[in-house]
Every structure is written in structure tokens, then in C-alpha cells.
Amino acid sequence: MAYSEKVIDHYEKPRNVGTLDKNDTSVGTGLVGAPACGDVMKLQIKVTPEGIIEDAKFKTFGCGSAIASSSLITEWV
């Protein structure tokens, strides 16, 4: 299966990799996956008091498509 140029771009140059301060009350953290089976994704968002997402970061351990989709979702939010 061939990946699209957009998926390849996000895999080779992922955006918004990193972490936000977990002690910041405006930061929410989600973790999905299972280390035993492979892919694990941590997604964090920082939300203003008005409910607007002002930042998003991720860390993903897994295949190229998992990394690329994690990168893309941080641009969407």
C-alpha cells in the first residue's frame, strides 16, 4: 500500500512533537494504545478558560501512519 504525499510529509517532518506541562490545570492528556501490541499515542491539549484549544502536542511510538496521523491531528485542533 502506498502512502499519500501528505502522510509521508507528516511522518518525515512531524509537527508539534513534545509534551505540555502536566501540572498545568489547562492541559488535558489522553493516552491510547498498548505497549504490548505496538502503537501508543499520548495527545495533550491546552485549553483557554473560554474553551478554545490554544496548543496541542503529541508523542507516538508506532508505525509511520500512526506518527503521521498524530502529527496531522495536532494541526486540525
N, C-alpha and C. Protein backbone atom coordinates (compact mmCIF):
# COMPACT_ATOMS: atom_id res chain seq x y z
N MET A 1 0.84 -1.18 0.00
CA MET A 1 0.00 0.00 0.00
C MET A 1 0.89 1.24 0.00
N ALA A 2 0.58 2.16 -0.87
CA ALA A 2 1.36 3.40 -0.96
C ALA A 2 0.70 4.49 -0.11
N TYR A 3 1.53 5.24 0.59
CA TYR A 3 1.04 6.35 1.40
C TYR A 3 0.97 7.61 0.56
N SER A 4 0.04 8.50 0.90
CA SER A 4 -0.08 9.77 0.19
C SER A 4 1.10 10.67 0.54
N GLU A 5 1.30 11.69 -0.27
CA GLU A 5 2.39 12.64 0.00
C GLU A 5 2.21 13.33 1.35
N LYS A 6 0.96 13.60 1.71
CA LYS A 6 0.70 14.27 3.00
C LYS A 6 1.11 13.38 4.17
N VAL A 7 0.78 12.09 4.10
CA VAL A 7 1.16 11.16 5.17
C VAL A 7 2.67 11.06 5.26
N ILE A 8 3.33 10.93 4.13
CA ILE A 8 4.80 10.84 4.11
C ILE A 8 5.42 12.11 4.70
N ASP A 9 4.87 13.26 4.33
CA ASP A 9 5.39 14.53 4.84
C ASP A 9 5.27 14.60 6.37
N HIS A 10 4.11 14.21 6.91
CA HIS A 10 3.92 14.26 8.36
C HIS A 10 4.77 13.21 9.08
N TYR A 11 5.06 12.10 8.41
CA TYR A 11 5.94 11.09 9.03
C TYR A 11 7.39 11.59 9.06
N GLU A 12 7.84 12.15 7.93
CA GLU A 12 9.23 12.61 7.84
C GLU A 12 9.49 13.89 8.63
N LYS A 13 8.48 14.75 8.73
CA LYS A 13 8.61 16.03 9.45
C LYS A 13 7.40 16.23 10.37
N PRO A 14 7.29 15.41 11.41
CA PRO A 14 6.12 15.55 12.28
C PRO A 14 6.08 16.91 12.97
N ARG A 15 4.88 17.43 13.09
CA ARG A 15 4.65 18.72 13.74
C ARG A 15 4.19 18.51 15.18
N ASN A 16 4.55 19.44 16.05
CA ASN A 16 4.04 19.50 17.42
C ASN A 16 4.39 18.29 18.28
N VAL A 17 5.56 17.71 18.05
CA VAL A 17 6.03 16.62 18.90
C VAL A 17 6.50 17.22 20.22
N GLY A 18 6.14 16.60 21.31
CA GLY A 18 6.59 17.07 22.61
C GLY A 18 5.55 16.87 23.67
N THR A 19 5.73 17.58 24.77
CA THR A 19 4.78 17.48 25.88
C THR A 19 4.48 18.87 26.43
N LEU A 20 3.32 18.97 27.02
CA LEU A 20 2.92 20.18 27.74
C LEU A 20 3.04 19.88 29.23
N ASP A 21 3.02 20.91 30.05
CA ASP A 21 3.17 20.76 31.50
C ASP A 21 1.95 20.04 32.08
N LYS A 22 2.16 18.83 32.55
CA LYS A 22 1.03 18.05 33.09
C LYS A 22 0.47 18.64 34.37
N ASN A 23 1.19 19.52 35.03
CA ASN A 23 0.70 20.17 36.25
C ASN A 23 -0.13 21.41 35.97
N ASP A 24 -0.16 21.85 34.71
CA ASP A 24 -0.97 23.00 34.31
C ASP A 24 -2.43 22.55 34.24
N THR A 25 -3.30 23.21 34.99
CA THR A 25 -4.71 22.80 35.03
C THR A 25 -5.44 23.02 33.71
N SER A 26 -4.84 23.79 32.79
CA SER A 26 -5.48 23.99 31.49
C SER A 26 -5.05 22.95 30.46
N VAL A 27 -4.25 21.97 30.88
CA VAL A 27 -3.75 20.93 29.98
C VAL A 27 -4.50 19.62 30.25
N GLY A 28 -5.02 19.04 29.17
CA GLY A 28 -5.66 17.73 29.25
C GLY A 28 -4.80 16.72 28.50
N THR A 29 -4.72 15.50 29.02
CA THR A 29 -3.88 14.47 28.44
C THR A 29 -4.69 13.22 28.17
N GLY A 30 -4.51 12.66 26.96
CA GLY A 30 -5.13 11.39 26.60
C GLY A 30 -4.05 10.41 26.18
N LEU A 31 -4.22 9.16 26.55
CA LEU A 31 -3.27 8.11 26.20
C LEU A 31 -4.06 6.95 25.63
N VAL A 32 -3.65 6.47 24.47
CA VAL A 32 -4.35 5.36 23.83
C VAL A 32 -3.32 4.38 23.28
N GLY A 33 -3.68 3.11 23.29
CA GLY A 33 -2.80 2.08 22.77
C GLY A 33 -2.34 1.16 23.87
N ALA A 34 -1.53 0.21 23.47
CA ALA A 34 -1.00 -0.76 24.43
C ALA A 34 0.45 -1.05 24.06
N PRO A 35 1.37 -0.78 24.97
CA PRO A 35 2.77 -1.02 24.68
C PRO A 35 3.05 -2.47 24.24
N ALA A 36 2.28 -3.41 24.76
CA ALA A 36 2.50 -4.81 24.41
C ALA A 36 2.21 -5.09 22.93
N CYS A 37 1.25 -4.34 22.33
CA CYS A 37 0.95 -4.60 20.92
C CYS A 37 1.61 -3.66 19.94
N GLY A 38 2.19 -2.59 20.40
CA GLY A 38 2.91 -1.74 19.45
C GLY A 38 2.64 -0.27 19.57
N ASP A 39 1.59 0.20 18.93
CA ASP A 39 1.35 1.64 18.84
C ASP A 39 0.81 2.22 20.15
N VAL A 40 1.41 3.33 20.58
CA VAL A 40 0.94 4.08 21.75
C VAL A 40 1.00 5.56 21.41
N MET A 41 -0.09 6.28 21.69
CA MET A 41 -0.14 7.71 21.40
C MET A 41 -0.56 8.47 22.65
N LYS A 42 0.20 9.52 22.96
CA LYS A 42 -0.18 10.46 24.01
C LYS A 42 -0.46 11.79 23.33
N LEU A 43 -1.66 12.32 23.53
CA LEU A 43 -2.05 13.61 22.97
C LEU A 43 -2.40 14.54 24.11
N GLN A 44 -1.84 15.75 24.07
CA GLN A 44 -2.14 16.76 25.08
C GLN A 44 -2.67 18.01 24.39
N ILE A 45 -3.66 18.62 25.02
CA ILE A 45 -4.16 19.90 24.52
C ILE A 45 -4.18 20.90 25.68
N LYS A 46 -3.95 22.15 25.33
CA LYS A 46 -4.04 23.26 26.30
C LYS A 46 -5.26 24.08 25.89
N VAL A 47 -6.16 24.29 26.85
CA VAL A 47 -7.43 24.94 26.57
C VAL A 47 -7.55 26.23 27.37
N THR A 48 -7.99 27.29 26.71
CA THR A 48 -8.19 28.58 27.39
C THR A 48 -9.43 28.50 28.27
N PRO A 49 -9.60 29.46 29.19
CA PRO A 49 -10.83 29.49 30.00
C PRO A 49 -12.10 29.60 29.16
N GLU A 50 -11.96 30.10 27.94
CA GLU A 50 -13.11 30.23 27.04
C GLU A 50 -13.40 28.92 26.29
N GLY A 51 -12.57 27.89 26.50
CA GLY A 51 -12.79 26.60 25.85
C GLY A 51 -12.14 26.46 24.49
N ILE A 52 -11.19 27.32 24.18
CA ILE A 52 -10.51 27.28 22.88
C ILE A 52 -9.18 26.56 23.03
N ILE A 53 -8.93 25.61 22.15
CA ILE A 53 -7.65 24.90 22.16
C ILE A 53 -6.58 25.83 21.63
N GLU A 54 -5.56 26.11 22.45
CA GLU A 54 -4.51 27.02 22.02
C GLU A 54 -3.20 26.32 21.71
N ASP A 55 -3.06 25.05 22.10
CA ASP A 55 -1.85 24.31 21.79
C ASP A 55 -2.14 22.82 21.86
N ALA A 56 -1.40 22.05 21.09
CA ALA A 56 -1.53 20.59 21.11
C ALA A 56 -0.16 19.99 20.86
N LYS A 57 0.15 18.93 21.59
CA LYS A 57 1.43 18.21 21.45
C LYS A 57 1.13 16.72 21.47
N PHE A 58 2.05 15.96 20.88
CA PHE A 58 1.88 14.51 20.91
C PHE A 58 3.22 13.81 21.02
N LYS A 59 3.14 12.58 21.48
CA LYS A 59 4.25 11.64 21.42
C LYS A 59 3.64 10.31 21.01
N THR A 60 4.13 9.75 19.92
CA THR A 60 3.61 8.48 19.43
C THR A 60 4.76 7.52 19.19
N PHE A 61 4.59 6.31 19.66
CA PHE A 61 5.53 5.23 19.40
C PHE A 61 4.76 4.21 18.58
N GLY A 62 5.20 4.01 17.35
CA GLY A 62 4.50 3.06 16.49
C GLY A 62 4.91 3.22 15.04
N CYS A 63 4.05 2.75 14.17
CA CYS A 63 4.35 2.75 12.74
C CYS A 63 4.25 4.16 12.15
N GLY A 64 4.70 4.30 10.92
CA GLY A 64 4.71 5.60 10.25
C GLY A 64 3.34 6.23 10.14
N SER A 65 2.32 5.43 9.85
CA SER A 65 0.99 6.01 9.71
C SER A 65 0.45 6.50 11.06
N ALA A 66 0.83 5.84 12.15
CA ALA A 66 0.40 6.31 13.49
C ALA A 66 1.07 7.64 13.82
N ILE A 67 2.34 7.77 13.50
CA ILE A 67 3.06 9.02 13.75
C ILE A 67 2.49 10.14 12.89
N ALA A 68 2.28 9.85 11.61
CA ALA A 68 1.75 10.86 10.69
C ALA A 68 0.36 11.32 11.10
N SER A 69 -0.52 10.39 11.49
CA SER A 69 -1.87 10.79 11.87
C SER A 69 -1.87 11.58 13.18
N SER A 70 -0.97 11.27 14.08
CA SER A 70 -0.84 12.04 15.31
C SER A 70 -0.41 13.47 15.02
N SER A 71 0.55 13.61 14.12
CA SER A 71 1.02 14.93 13.72
C SER A 71 -0.11 15.73 13.08
N LEU A 72 -0.85 15.09 12.20
CA LEU A 72 -1.93 15.77 11.49
C LEU A 72 -3.03 16.23 12.44
N ILE A 73 -3.39 15.41 13.40
CA ILE A 73 -4.47 15.78 14.32
C ILE A 73 -4.11 17.03 15.13
N THR A 74 -2.82 17.20 15.45
CA THR A 74 -2.44 18.40 16.20
C THR A 74 -2.58 19.66 15.35
N GLU A 75 -2.52 19.52 14.05
CA GLU A 75 -2.76 20.68 13.18
C GLU A 75 -4.26 20.96 13.05
N TRP A 76 -5.06 19.93 13.08
CA TRP A 76 -6.52 20.10 12.96
C TRP A 76 -7.11 20.79 14.17
N VAL A 77 -6.58 20.47 15.36
CA VAL A 77 -7.16 21.07 16.56
C VAL A 77 -6.46 22.38 16.83
